[in-house]
Amino acid sequence: MAFTSRVRALIFANGDPPSSALLGSLTSGVDMVIAADGGTRHSLDAGLVPNAVVGDFDSVDDEVRAKVPADRFHRAGRLDTTDLEKAVAFAIENSAREIDIVGAGGGRSDHALANLSVLTIHRGKASIRLHDELFEISLVDGETTVEGPVGTVISLFAIGECRGVSTSGMRWELHDFTLPFGPRGVHNEIARSPATVTVRSGDLLLFKGRFIEKHL
C-alpha cells in the first residue's frame, strides 16, 4: 500500500541496541525520532535526543530523564498494549506514514513476537519496517516489491494461514499457494530484481536479508 504523505519516523525500542552502521542507513530523511520507554537510552547513545518518549516509563531512570526535555514525555499507561505499540500509535497520530523501528529484537522471545505484531495491528495506517542487523521485516499488504542483489535472502512467514501467496523473481516461486504457519517459506533468494510477493488474504511477514547466502 502506498501513502501520499512522506512523514517518516524512527522508533527506538528497548531490545538489542542497533549498530551505528544500521542507524547510518536509516537516519537520513527522518522527520521525528520516538523512543519507546527504555529505548530512550538507545536513542541517546546514538546521539539522538528523541522528539517524543512514549510508554509507561517503568524503564526510564532519572539519569535518562535528565537528558530529555520534560515536555517530550508522553505517558500512555495502558497495560494491554506494549510500549512499542504505544510508540507506533503515537507516530501515526502525529502524521507518520513511514515508520522504521530499531531495537525490537533480542531478550525475551514473547516480547520479540509482540513486537512483530505491530506490523499487523497497524495494517493500512503506515508503512512499517522492523530492522535488525540481519533483516528488514515488513508486512505484505496485498503486494510488495522487493529490490536487492541477486542472492539476497528472503523468508516469508504466515501468521496463521495466508491464501493466494504468489512470488515472481524468486529462486523458488509460489503460485496461488496456501502458506501455513511453519518453515515452508524460510530462505528463498532473489533471482531477478525487482521481485514481487502478493497475498490474497492473511498476515504475511516478509524478512529481507541484509546478506547473500546462495544455496547450491
N, C-alpha and C. Protein backbone atom coordinates (compact mmCIF):
# COMPACT_ATOMS: atom_id res chain seq x y z
N MET A 1 0.84 -1.18 0.00
CA MET A 1 0.00 0.00 0.00
C MET A 1 0.88 1.24 0.00
N ALA A 2 0.60 2.21 -0.88
CA ALA A 2 1.39 3.43 -0.96
C ALA A 2 0.70 4.55 -0.19
N PHE A 3 1.49 5.40 0.44
CA PHE A 3 0.96 6.53 1.19
C PHE A 3 1.48 7.82 0.56
N THR A 4 0.56 8.81 0.43
CA THR A 4 0.93 10.06 -0.22
C THR A 4 1.83 10.91 0.66
N SER A 5 1.62 10.88 1.97
CA SER A 5 2.46 11.64 2.89
C SER A 5 3.78 10.92 3.10
N ARG A 6 4.87 11.69 3.20
CA ARG A 6 6.18 11.08 3.37
C ARG A 6 6.75 11.34 4.76
N VAL A 7 5.92 11.78 5.71
CA VAL A 7 6.42 11.99 7.07
C VAL A 7 6.96 10.67 7.60
N ARG A 8 8.21 10.71 8.06
CA ARG A 8 8.91 9.48 8.41
C ARG A 8 9.39 9.53 9.85
N ALA A 9 9.14 8.45 10.58
CA ALA A 9 9.53 8.35 11.99
C ALA A 9 10.51 7.21 12.17
N LEU A 10 11.45 7.41 13.08
CA LEU A 10 12.37 6.36 13.51
C LEU A 10 12.09 6.09 14.98
N ILE A 11 11.75 4.83 15.30
CA ILE A 11 11.40 4.46 16.67
C ILE A 11 12.47 3.55 17.25
N PHE A 12 12.90 3.89 18.46
CA PHE A 12 13.84 3.05 19.20
C PHE A 12 13.07 2.23 20.23
N ALA A 13 13.10 0.91 20.09
CA ALA A 13 12.51 0.02 21.09
C ALA A 13 13.58 -0.33 22.12
N ASN A 14 13.19 -1.10 23.14
CA ASN A 14 14.08 -1.37 24.27
C ASN A 14 14.67 -2.77 24.22
N GLY A 15 15.02 -3.22 23.00
CA GLY A 15 15.67 -4.51 22.86
C GLY A 15 17.16 -4.33 22.62
N ASP A 16 17.74 -5.20 21.80
CA ASP A 16 19.16 -5.07 21.48
C ASP A 16 19.41 -3.76 20.75
N PRO A 17 20.41 -2.98 21.16
CA PRO A 17 20.67 -1.70 20.51
C PRO A 17 21.16 -1.88 19.08
N PRO A 18 20.78 -0.98 18.19
CA PRO A 18 21.23 -1.08 16.80
C PRO A 18 22.68 -0.64 16.67
N SER A 19 23.36 -1.18 15.68
CA SER A 19 24.74 -0.77 15.41
C SER A 19 24.74 0.60 14.73
N SER A 20 25.88 1.26 14.79
CA SER A 20 25.99 2.56 14.13
C SER A 20 25.84 2.41 12.61
N ALA A 21 26.29 1.29 12.07
CA ALA A 21 26.14 1.07 10.63
C ALA A 21 24.68 0.96 10.24
N LEU A 22 23.89 0.24 11.03
CA LEU A 22 22.47 0.11 10.74
C LEU A 22 21.79 1.46 10.84
N LEU A 23 22.07 2.20 11.91
CA LEU A 23 21.45 3.52 12.07
C LEU A 23 21.83 4.45 10.93
N GLY A 24 23.08 4.34 10.48
CA GLY A 24 23.52 5.20 9.39
C GLY A 24 22.72 5.01 8.12
N SER A 25 22.17 3.82 7.95
CA SER A 25 21.37 3.55 6.75
C SER A 25 19.92 3.98 6.91
N LEU A 26 19.53 4.41 8.12
CA LEU A 26 18.12 4.69 8.39
C LEU A 26 17.82 6.13 8.78
N THR A 27 18.82 6.89 9.20
CA THR A 27 18.54 8.21 9.78
C THR A 27 18.33 9.31 8.75
N SER A 28 18.78 9.12 7.54
CA SER A 28 18.61 10.16 6.52
C SER A 28 17.13 10.37 6.22
N GLY A 29 16.70 11.61 6.27
CA GLY A 29 15.32 11.94 5.93
C GLY A 29 14.30 11.69 7.01
N VAL A 30 14.76 11.39 8.23
CA VAL A 30 13.82 11.14 9.33
C VAL A 30 13.26 12.47 9.83
N ASP A 31 11.94 12.54 10.00
CA ASP A 31 11.26 13.75 10.47
C ASP A 31 11.07 13.77 11.97
N MET A 32 10.96 12.61 12.59
CA MET A 32 10.79 12.55 14.04
C MET A 32 11.43 11.29 14.58
N VAL A 33 12.04 11.43 15.76
CA VAL A 33 12.63 10.29 16.47
C VAL A 33 11.79 10.06 17.72
N ILE A 34 11.34 8.81 17.89
CA ILE A 34 10.48 8.46 19.02
C ILE A 34 11.13 7.31 19.77
N ALA A 35 11.15 7.40 21.08
CA ALA A 35 11.67 6.31 21.90
C ALA A 35 10.52 5.63 22.62
N ALA A 36 10.50 4.32 22.56
CA ALA A 36 9.51 3.53 23.30
C ALA A 36 10.10 3.23 24.67
N ASP A 37 9.74 4.03 25.65
CA ASP A 37 10.17 3.85 27.04
C ASP A 37 11.68 3.66 27.13
N GLY A 38 12.14 2.46 27.52
CA GLY A 38 13.56 2.23 27.71
C GLY A 38 14.41 2.37 26.46
N GLY A 39 13.78 2.44 25.30
CA GLY A 39 14.51 2.70 24.06
C GLY A 39 15.15 4.07 24.04
N THR A 40 14.77 4.92 25.02
CA THR A 40 15.35 6.26 25.12
C THR A 40 16.87 6.18 25.25
N ARG A 41 17.36 5.24 26.04
CA ARG A 41 18.81 5.12 26.22
C ARG A 41 19.50 4.80 24.90
N HIS A 42 18.90 3.91 24.08
CA HIS A 42 19.50 3.58 22.78
C HIS A 42 19.55 4.82 21.89
N SER A 43 18.47 5.61 21.92
CA SER A 43 18.43 6.83 21.12
C SER A 43 19.52 7.80 21.55
N LEU A 44 19.65 8.01 22.86
CA LEU A 44 20.67 8.93 23.37
C LEU A 44 22.07 8.42 23.09
N ASP A 45 22.27 7.11 23.23
CA ASP A 45 23.59 6.53 22.95
C ASP A 45 23.98 6.75 21.49
N ALA A 46 22.97 6.88 20.62
CA ALA A 46 23.23 7.12 19.20
C ALA A 46 23.39 8.60 18.89
N GLY A 47 23.31 9.43 19.92
CA GLY A 47 23.45 10.87 19.72
C GLY A 47 22.18 11.54 19.26
N LEU A 48 21.04 10.88 19.45
CA LEU A 48 19.76 11.42 19.01
C LEU A 48 18.85 11.65 20.21
N VAL A 49 18.56 12.92 20.51
CA VAL A 49 17.60 13.23 21.57
C VAL A 49 16.21 13.06 20.98
N PRO A 50 15.40 12.15 21.50
CA PRO A 50 14.10 11.87 20.87
C PRO A 50 13.16 13.06 20.93
N ASN A 51 12.35 13.20 19.87
CA ASN A 51 11.30 14.21 19.86
C ASN A 51 10.17 13.85 20.80
N ALA A 52 10.04 12.55 21.07
CA ALA A 52 9.00 12.08 21.99
C ALA A 52 9.44 10.78 22.63
N VAL A 53 9.11 10.61 23.91
CA VAL A 53 9.28 9.35 24.62
C VAL A 53 7.89 8.89 25.02
N VAL A 54 7.54 7.67 24.62
CA VAL A 54 6.18 7.17 24.81
C VAL A 54 6.23 5.86 25.59
N GLY A 55 5.32 5.70 26.56
CA GLY A 55 5.24 4.46 27.31
C GLY A 55 4.75 4.69 28.72
N ASP A 56 4.93 3.69 29.58
CA ASP A 56 4.53 3.85 30.98
C ASP A 56 5.71 4.25 31.86
N PHE A 57 6.90 4.36 31.27
CA PHE A 57 8.11 4.89 31.90
C PHE A 57 8.64 4.02 33.04
N ASP A 58 8.38 2.74 32.99
CA ASP A 58 8.93 1.85 34.01
C ASP A 58 10.38 1.48 33.71
N SER A 59 10.88 1.88 32.53
CA SER A 59 12.25 1.52 32.14
C SER A 59 13.12 2.75 31.90
N VAL A 60 12.64 3.92 32.33
CA VAL A 60 13.40 5.16 32.14
C VAL A 60 13.85 5.66 33.51
N ASP A 61 15.16 5.69 33.74
CA ASP A 61 15.65 6.13 35.05
C ASP A 61 15.89 7.64 35.04
N ASP A 62 16.24 8.17 36.21
CA ASP A 62 16.40 9.62 36.36
C ASP A 62 17.53 10.16 35.51
N GLU A 63 18.59 9.37 35.34
CA GLU A 63 19.73 9.81 34.53
C GLU A 63 19.30 10.05 33.08
N VAL A 64 18.48 9.13 32.56
CA VAL A 64 17.99 9.28 31.19
C VAL A 64 17.01 10.44 31.10
N ARG A 65 16.10 10.54 32.06
CA ARG A 65 15.10 11.62 32.05
C ARG A 65 15.75 12.99 31.99
N ALA A 66 16.86 13.14 32.68
CA ALA A 66 17.52 14.44 32.75
C ALA A 66 18.06 14.89 31.40
N LYS A 67 18.21 13.98 30.45
CA LYS A 67 18.80 14.30 29.16
C LYS A 67 17.76 14.63 28.09
N VAL A 68 16.47 14.53 28.45
CA VAL A 68 15.39 14.78 27.50
C VAL A 68 14.46 15.84 28.09
N PRO A 69 14.10 16.88 27.32
CA PRO A 69 13.17 17.88 27.84
C PRO A 69 11.88 17.25 28.36
N ALA A 70 11.40 17.74 29.50
CA ALA A 70 10.26 17.14 30.19
C ALA A 70 9.01 17.11 29.32
N ASP A 71 8.83 18.11 28.45
CA ASP A 71 7.61 18.16 27.65
C ASP A 71 7.59 17.14 26.52
N ARG A 72 8.67 16.38 26.37
CA ARG A 72 8.71 15.36 25.32
C ARG A 72 8.27 13.99 25.82
N PHE A 73 7.96 13.88 27.10
CA PHE A 73 7.50 12.61 27.67
C PHE A 73 5.97 12.54 27.55
N HIS A 74 5.50 11.47 26.95
CA HIS A 74 4.05 11.28 26.74
C HIS A 74 3.65 9.95 27.38
N ARG A 75 3.05 10.05 28.55
CA ARG A 75 2.69 8.83 29.28
C ARG A 75 1.48 8.15 28.65
N ALA A 76 1.60 6.85 28.44
CA ALA A 76 0.50 6.01 27.97
C ALA A 76 0.52 4.77 28.85
N GLY A 77 -0.31 4.78 29.87
CA GLY A 77 -0.20 3.78 30.92
C GLY A 77 -0.99 2.51 30.72
N ARG A 78 -1.66 2.34 29.58
CA ARG A 78 -2.47 1.14 29.36
C ARG A 78 -1.61 -0.11 29.44
N LEU A 79 -2.07 -1.08 30.23
CA LEU A 79 -1.31 -2.30 30.42
C LEU A 79 -1.60 -3.35 29.35
N ASP A 80 -2.62 -3.11 28.51
CA ASP A 80 -2.97 -4.09 27.48
C ASP A 80 -2.28 -3.80 26.15
N THR A 81 -1.34 -2.85 26.13
CA THR A 81 -0.54 -2.60 24.95
C THR A 81 0.92 -2.49 25.35
N THR A 82 1.82 -2.88 24.45
CA THR A 82 3.25 -2.78 24.74
C THR A 82 3.72 -1.35 24.50
N ASP A 83 4.89 -1.03 25.03
CA ASP A 83 5.46 0.30 24.81
C ASP A 83 5.70 0.56 23.33
N LEU A 84 6.14 -0.47 22.59
CA LEU A 84 6.37 -0.27 21.16
C LEU A 84 5.07 0.01 20.44
N GLU A 85 4.01 -0.72 20.80
CA GLU A 85 2.71 -0.47 20.18
C GLU A 85 2.25 0.96 20.46
N LYS A 86 2.47 1.42 21.68
CA LYS A 86 2.11 2.80 22.03
C LYS A 86 2.90 3.79 21.18
N ALA A 87 4.20 3.52 21.00
CA ALA A 87 5.04 4.43 20.24
C ALA A 87 4.63 4.48 18.77
N VAL A 88 4.29 3.33 18.19
CA VAL A 88 3.84 3.31 16.80
C VAL A 88 2.53 4.07 16.66
N ALA A 89 1.61 3.86 17.59
CA ALA A 89 0.33 4.58 17.55
C ALA A 89 0.56 6.09 17.65
N PHE A 90 1.49 6.50 18.51
CA PHE A 90 1.81 7.92 18.66
C PHE A 90 2.35 8.48 17.35
N ALA A 91 3.24 7.73 16.70
CA ALA A 91 3.81 8.19 15.43
C ALA A 91 2.71 8.38 14.39
N ILE A 92 1.80 7.44 14.30
CA ILE A 92 0.71 7.52 13.32
C ILE A 92 -0.21 8.70 13.64
N GLU A 93 -0.51 8.89 14.92
CA GLU A 93 -1.35 10.02 15.33
C GLU A 93 -0.70 11.35 14.99
N ASN A 94 0.63 11.35 14.86
CA ASN A 94 1.35 12.57 14.53
C ASN A 94 1.83 12.57 13.07
N SER A 95 1.03 11.93 12.22
CA SER A 95 1.13 12.01 10.76
C SER A 95 2.25 11.19 10.13
N ALA A 96 2.92 10.34 10.89
CA ALA A 96 3.95 9.49 10.28
C ALA A 96 3.28 8.44 9.40
N ARG A 97 3.76 8.30 8.19
CA ARG A 97 3.25 7.28 7.27
C ARG A 97 4.34 6.32 6.83
N GLU A 98 5.55 6.59 7.23
CA GLU A 98 6.66 5.65 7.08
C GLU A 98 7.34 5.53 8.44
N ILE A 99 7.44 4.32 8.95
CA ILE A 99 7.96 4.11 10.29
C ILE A 99 9.02 3.01 10.25
N ASP A 100 10.22 3.35 10.70
CA ASP A 100 11.30 2.38 10.82
C ASP A 100 11.56 2.15 12.31
N ILE A 101 11.67 0.89 12.70
CA ILE A 101 11.83 0.52 14.10
C ILE A 101 13.15 -0.22 14.28
N VAL A 102 13.93 0.21 15.26
CA VAL A 102 15.16 -0.48 15.61
C VAL A 102 15.10 -0.86 17.09
N GLY A 103 15.94 -1.83 17.48
CA GLY A 103 16.00 -2.23 18.88
C GLY A 103 14.83 -3.09 19.33
N ALA A 104 14.17 -3.76 18.40
CA ALA A 104 13.00 -4.55 18.75
C ALA A 104 13.31 -6.03 18.94
N GLY A 105 14.55 -6.44 18.73
CA GLY A 105 14.91 -7.86 18.85
C GLY A 105 15.71 -8.14 20.10
N GLY A 106 16.00 -9.42 20.30
CA GLY A 106 16.78 -9.83 21.45
C GLY A 106 15.93 -9.98 22.69
N GLY A 107 16.55 -10.49 23.75
CA GLY A 107 15.85 -10.61 25.02
C GLY A 107 14.78 -11.69 24.98
N ARG A 108 13.63 -11.40 25.58
CA ARG A 108 12.57 -12.39 25.71
C ARG A 108 11.88 -12.67 24.38
N SER A 109 11.66 -13.95 24.09
CA SER A 109 11.04 -14.33 22.83
C SER A 109 9.59 -13.88 22.76
N ASP A 110 8.87 -13.81 23.90
CA ASP A 110 7.49 -13.34 23.86
C ASP A 110 7.44 -11.87 23.49
N HIS A 111 8.40 -11.09 23.99
CA HIS A 111 8.46 -9.67 23.62
C HIS A 111 8.78 -9.52 22.14
N ALA A 112 9.67 -10.36 21.63
CA ALA A 112 10.04 -10.29 20.21
C ALA A 112 8.82 -10.54 19.33
N LEU A 113 8.00 -11.54 19.70
CA LEU A 113 6.79 -11.82 18.92
C LEU A 113 5.79 -10.68 19.04
N ALA A 114 5.67 -10.12 20.25
CA ALA A 114 4.76 -8.99 20.44
C ALA A 114 5.20 -7.81 19.58
N ASN A 115 6.50 -7.60 19.47
CA ASN A 115 7.00 -6.50 18.64
C ASN A 115 6.65 -6.71 17.17
N LEU A 116 6.73 -7.95 16.70
CA LEU A 116 6.36 -8.23 15.31
C LEU A 116 4.88 -7.95 15.06
N SER A 117 4.06 -8.08 16.09
CA SER A 117 2.62 -7.91 15.91
C SER A 117 2.24 -6.49 15.52
N VAL A 118 3.10 -5.50 15.78
CA VAL A 118 2.74 -4.13 15.41
C VAL A 118 2.58 -4.00 13.90
N LEU A 119 3.22 -4.89 13.15
CA LEU A 119 3.09 -4.85 11.69
C LEU A 119 1.67 -5.17 11.24
N THR A 120 1.01 -6.07 11.97
CA THR A 120 -0.36 -6.43 11.61
C THR A 120 -1.39 -5.54 12.28
N ILE A 121 -1.13 -5.11 13.51
CA ILE A 121 -2.09 -4.27 14.25
C ILE A 121 -2.34 -2.96 13.50
N HIS A 122 -1.30 -2.43 12.90
CA HIS A 122 -1.43 -1.12 12.24
C HIS A 122 -1.47 -1.24 10.73
N ARG A 123 -1.95 -2.36 10.25
CA ARG A 123 -2.10 -2.59 8.80
C ARG A 123 -2.88 -1.44 8.16
N GLY A 124 -2.36 -0.95 7.04
CA GLY A 124 -3.07 0.07 6.28
C GLY A 124 -2.92 1.48 6.79
N LYS A 125 -2.29 1.66 7.96
CA LYS A 125 -2.15 3.00 8.54
C LYS A 125 -0.81 3.64 8.21
N ALA A 126 0.19 2.82 7.98
CA ALA A 126 1.53 3.31 7.67
C ALA A 126 2.36 2.16 7.12
N SER A 127 3.43 2.51 6.42
CA SER A 127 4.41 1.51 6.01
C SER A 127 5.40 1.34 7.16
N ILE A 128 5.39 0.17 7.79
CA ILE A 128 6.19 -0.06 8.99
C ILE A 128 7.22 -1.15 8.71
N ARG A 129 8.45 -0.88 9.12
CA ARG A 129 9.53 -1.83 8.92
C ARG A 129 10.30 -1.99 10.22
N LEU A 130 10.53 -3.24 10.63
CA LEU A 130 11.41 -3.54 11.77
C LEU A 130 12.78 -3.91 11.23
N HIS A 131 13.82 -3.38 11.87
CA HIS A 131 15.18 -3.61 11.38
C HIS A 131 16.04 -4.20 12.48
N ASP A 132 16.83 -5.23 12.13
CA ASP A 132 17.92 -5.67 12.99
C ASP A 132 19.16 -5.84 12.12
N GLU A 133 20.20 -6.43 12.67
CA GLU A 133 21.46 -6.49 11.94
C GLU A 133 21.40 -7.44 10.74
N LEU A 134 20.41 -8.33 10.71
CA LEU A 134 20.32 -9.31 9.63
C LEU A 134 19.15 -9.10 8.69
N PHE A 135 18.05 -8.52 9.19
CA PHE A 135 16.84 -8.47 8.38
C PHE A 135 16.12 -7.13 8.48
N GLU A 136 15.40 -6.82 7.41
CA GLU A 136 14.34 -5.82 7.40
C GLU A 136 13.03 -6.59 7.30
N ILE A 137 12.11 -6.36 8.24
CA ILE A 137 10.88 -7.15 8.33
C ILE A 137 9.69 -6.23 8.08
N SER A 138 8.80 -6.66 7.20
CA SER A 138 7.62 -5.86 6.86
C SER A 138 6.43 -6.77 6.61
N LEU A 139 5.26 -6.16 6.52
CA LEU A 139 4.03 -6.89 6.22
C LEU A 139 3.73 -6.79 4.74
N VAL A 140 3.39 -7.90 4.11
CA VAL A 140 2.94 -7.88 2.72
C VAL A 140 1.45 -7.54 2.74
N ASP A 141 1.13 -6.31 2.34
CA ASP A 141 -0.27 -5.85 2.34
C ASP A 141 -0.77 -5.84 0.91
N GLY A 142 -1.20 -7.02 0.44
CA GLY A 142 -1.63 -7.15 -0.96
C GLY A 142 -0.46 -7.52 -1.85
N GLU A 143 0.39 -6.54 -2.14
CA GLU A 143 1.56 -6.80 -2.99
C GLU A 143 2.73 -5.96 -2.51
N THR A 144 3.91 -6.54 -2.54
CA THR A 144 5.14 -5.86 -2.14
C THR A 144 6.20 -6.09 -3.21
N THR A 145 6.91 -5.03 -3.55
CA THR A 145 8.05 -5.12 -4.45
C THR A 145 9.32 -5.23 -3.61
N VAL A 146 10.19 -6.15 -3.98
CA VAL A 146 11.41 -6.40 -3.21
C VAL A 146 12.61 -6.22 -4.14
N GLU A 147 13.45 -5.25 -3.79
CA GLU A 147 14.65 -4.99 -4.58
C GLU A 147 15.90 -5.42 -3.81
N GLY A 148 16.89 -5.86 -4.52
CA GLY A 148 18.14 -6.26 -3.88
C GLY A 148 19.00 -7.05 -4.83
N PRO A 149 20.27 -7.23 -4.47
CA PRO A 149 21.17 -8.03 -5.32
C PRO A 149 20.68 -9.47 -5.45
N VAL A 150 21.00 -10.08 -6.55
CA VAL A 150 20.67 -11.50 -6.74
C VAL A 150 21.32 -12.30 -5.62
N GLY A 151 20.55 -13.19 -5.02
CA GLY A 151 21.03 -14.00 -3.91
C GLY A 151 20.61 -13.48 -2.56
N THR A 152 20.05 -12.26 -2.50
CA THR A 152 19.57 -11.72 -1.22
C THR A 152 18.56 -12.68 -0.61
N VAL A 153 18.74 -13.01 0.65
CA VAL A 153 17.86 -13.97 1.32
C VAL A 153 16.51 -13.34 1.61
N ILE A 154 15.45 -14.09 1.29
CA ILE A 154 14.07 -13.67 1.55
C ILE A 154 13.35 -14.81 2.24
N SER A 155 12.70 -14.53 3.37
CA SER A 155 11.86 -15.53 4.04
C SER A 155 10.45 -14.98 4.20
N LEU A 156 9.48 -15.86 4.05
CA LEU A 156 8.07 -15.49 4.22
C LEU A 156 7.48 -16.30 5.37
N PHE A 157 6.81 -15.61 6.29
CA PHE A 157 6.17 -16.28 7.41
C PHE A 157 4.70 -15.90 7.48
N ALA A 158 3.86 -16.92 7.49
CA ALA A 158 2.43 -16.69 7.65
C ALA A 158 2.09 -16.68 9.13
N ILE A 159 1.39 -15.64 9.56
CA ILE A 159 0.88 -15.60 10.93
C ILE A 159 -0.52 -16.20 10.88
N GLY A 160 -0.61 -17.47 11.19
CA GLY A 160 -1.85 -18.21 10.96
C GLY A 160 -1.77 -18.89 9.62
N GLU A 161 -2.63 -18.50 8.69
CA GLU A 161 -2.63 -19.07 7.33
C GLU A 161 -2.82 -17.95 6.34
N CYS A 162 -2.04 -17.98 5.26
CA CYS A 162 -2.16 -17.00 4.19
C CYS A 162 -2.56 -17.71 2.90
N ARG A 163 -3.54 -17.15 2.22
CA ARG A 163 -4.03 -17.73 0.97
C ARG A 163 -3.65 -16.85 -0.21
N GLY A 164 -3.48 -17.52 -1.34
CA GLY A 164 -3.17 -16.80 -2.57
C GLY A 164 -1.79 -16.16 -2.56
N VAL A 165 -0.81 -16.87 -2.01
CA VAL A 165 0.56 -16.34 -1.99
C VAL A 165 1.25 -16.66 -3.31
N SER A 166 1.74 -15.62 -3.97
CA SER A 166 2.46 -15.79 -5.23
C SER A 166 3.71 -14.93 -5.21
N THR A 167 4.76 -15.41 -5.87
CA THR A 167 6.00 -14.66 -5.97
C THR A 167 6.45 -14.62 -7.42
N SER A 168 7.25 -13.60 -7.73
CA SER A 168 7.96 -13.57 -9.01
C SER A 168 9.33 -12.99 -8.76
N GLY A 169 10.30 -13.48 -9.51
CA GLY A 169 11.66 -13.02 -9.35
C GLY A 169 12.41 -13.71 -8.23
N MET A 170 11.83 -14.78 -7.67
CA MET A 170 12.49 -15.55 -6.62
C MET A 170 13.10 -16.84 -7.20
N ARG A 171 14.07 -17.39 -6.51
CA ARG A 171 14.68 -18.63 -6.99
C ARG A 171 13.66 -19.77 -6.97
N TRP A 172 12.84 -19.86 -5.91
CA TRP A 172 11.78 -20.85 -5.83
C TRP A 172 10.45 -20.11 -5.74
N GLU A 173 9.63 -20.27 -6.78
CA GLU A 173 8.41 -19.48 -6.89
C GLU A 173 7.22 -20.17 -6.22
N LEU A 174 6.28 -19.36 -5.77
CA LEU A 174 4.98 -19.82 -5.29
C LEU A 174 3.91 -19.26 -6.21
N HIS A 175 2.88 -20.07 -6.47
CA HIS A 175 1.81 -19.66 -7.37
C HIS A 175 0.46 -19.95 -6.70
N ASP A 176 -0.22 -18.89 -6.28
CA ASP A 176 -1.53 -19.02 -5.63
C ASP A 176 -1.49 -20.09 -4.54
N PHE A 177 -0.49 -20.00 -3.70
CA PHE A 177 -0.19 -21.03 -2.71
C PHE A 177 -0.83 -20.68 -1.37
N THR A 178 -1.30 -21.70 -0.65
CA THR A 178 -1.78 -21.50 0.72
C THR A 178 -0.62 -21.82 1.65
N LEU A 179 -0.14 -20.77 2.33
CA LEU A 179 1.04 -20.91 3.18
C LEU A 179 0.60 -20.93 4.64
N PRO A 180 0.85 -22.05 5.33
CA PRO A 180 0.51 -22.13 6.76
C PRO A 180 1.64 -21.56 7.62
N PHE A 181 1.37 -21.40 8.89
CA PHE A 181 2.43 -21.03 9.82
C PHE A 181 3.40 -22.21 9.91
N GLY A 182 4.65 -21.96 9.58
CA GLY A 182 5.62 -23.05 9.55
C GLY A 182 6.85 -22.65 8.75
N PRO A 183 7.74 -23.60 8.51
CA PRO A 183 9.03 -23.29 7.89
C PRO A 183 9.03 -23.27 6.36
N ARG A 184 7.89 -23.50 5.72
CA ARG A 184 7.87 -23.65 4.25
C ARG A 184 8.46 -22.42 3.52
N GLY A 185 8.26 -21.23 4.07
CA GLY A 185 8.72 -20.03 3.36
C GLY A 185 10.09 -19.54 3.75
N VAL A 186 10.83 -20.34 4.54
CA VAL A 186 12.14 -19.89 5.03
C VAL A 186 13.21 -19.99 3.94
N HIS A 187 14.01 -18.97 3.81
CA HIS A 187 15.22 -18.92 2.99
C HIS A 187 14.96 -19.19 1.51
N ASN A 188 14.31 -18.22 0.90
CA ASN A 188 14.29 -18.12 -0.55
C ASN A 188 15.37 -17.12 -0.94
N GLU A 189 15.50 -16.83 -2.23
CA GLU A 189 16.51 -15.88 -2.68
C GLU A 189 15.97 -15.06 -3.84
N ILE A 190 16.39 -13.80 -3.92
CA ILE A 190 16.07 -13.00 -5.09
C ILE A 190 16.88 -13.53 -6.28
N ALA A 191 16.16 -13.87 -7.33
CA ALA A 191 16.81 -14.33 -8.56
C ALA A 191 16.80 -13.25 -9.63
N ARG A 192 15.86 -12.31 -9.50
CA ARG A 192 15.69 -11.26 -10.50
C ARG A 192 15.07 -10.06 -9.77
N SER A 193 15.73 -8.92 -9.85
CA SER A 193 15.27 -7.74 -9.12
C SER A 193 14.69 -6.71 -10.10
N PRO A 194 13.53 -6.11 -9.78
CA PRO A 194 12.78 -6.29 -8.52
C PRO A 194 11.93 -7.55 -8.55
N ALA A 195 11.85 -8.21 -7.41
CA ALA A 195 10.96 -9.35 -7.23
C ALA A 195 9.65 -8.84 -6.63
N THR A 196 8.62 -9.66 -6.66
CA THR A 196 7.35 -9.28 -6.07
C THR A 196 6.79 -10.43 -5.23
N VAL A 197 6.04 -10.06 -4.21
CA VAL A 197 5.30 -11.02 -3.39
C VAL A 197 3.88 -10.50 -3.25
N THR A 198 2.90 -11.36 -3.50
CA THR A 198 1.50 -10.98 -3.34
C THR A 198 0.80 -11.98 -2.43
N VAL A 199 -0.23 -11.51 -1.75
CA VAL A 199 -1.04 -12.37 -0.90
C VAL A 199 -2.49 -11.91 -0.99
N ARG A 200 -3.41 -12.85 -1.09
CA ARG A 200 -4.83 -12.53 -1.21
C ARG A 200 -5.47 -12.30 0.15
N SER A 201 -5.11 -13.12 1.14
CA SER A 201 -5.67 -12.96 2.48
C SER A 201 -4.69 -13.49 3.51
N GLY A 202 -4.75 -12.91 4.70
CA GLY A 202 -3.89 -13.35 5.79
C GLY A 202 -2.75 -12.38 6.06
N ASP A 203 -2.09 -12.61 7.19
CA ASP A 203 -0.98 -11.76 7.62
C ASP A 203 0.34 -12.43 7.24
N LEU A 204 1.00 -11.88 6.24
CA LEU A 204 2.23 -12.45 5.70
C LEU A 204 3.39 -11.51 5.98
N LEU A 205 4.39 -12.00 6.74
CA LEU A 205 5.57 -11.22 7.05
C LEU A 205 6.70 -11.55 6.09
N LEU A 206 7.38 -10.51 5.63
CA LEU A 206 8.50 -10.67 4.71
C LEU A 206 9.78 -10.27 5.41
N PHE A 207 10.73 -11.20 5.46
CA PHE A 207 12.05 -10.96 6.03
C PHE A 207 13.04 -10.79 4.87
N LYS A 208 13.53 -9.58 4.70
CA LYS A 208 14.51 -9.33 3.64
C LYS A 208 15.89 -9.27 4.27
N GLY A 209 16.78 -10.17 3.87
CA GLY A 209 18.10 -10.26 4.47
C GLY A 209 19.01 -9.12 4.06
N ARG A 210 19.90 -8.77 4.96
CA ARG A 210 20.96 -7.81 4.64
C ARG A 210 22.22 -8.55 4.17
N PHE A 211 22.02 -9.77 3.72
CA PHE A 211 23.15 -10.61 3.35
C PHE A 211 22.75 -11.52 2.19
N ILE A 212 23.75 -12.09 1.56
CA ILE A 212 23.56 -13.03 0.45
C ILE A 212 24.14 -14.37 0.89
N GLU A 213 23.33 -15.41 0.75
CA GLU A 213 23.78 -16.75 1.13
C GLU A 213 23.12 -17.74 0.17
N LYS A 214 23.75 -17.96 -0.97
CA LYS A 214 23.16 -18.76 -2.02
C LYS A 214 23.24 -20.24 -1.68
N HIS A 215 22.11 -20.93 -1.93
CA HIS A 215 22.12 -22.39 -1.86
C HIS A 215 22.76 -22.94 -3.13
N LEU A 216 23.38 -24.09 -3.02
CA LEU A 216 23.97 -24.72 -4.19
C LEU A 216 22.88 -25.33 -5.07
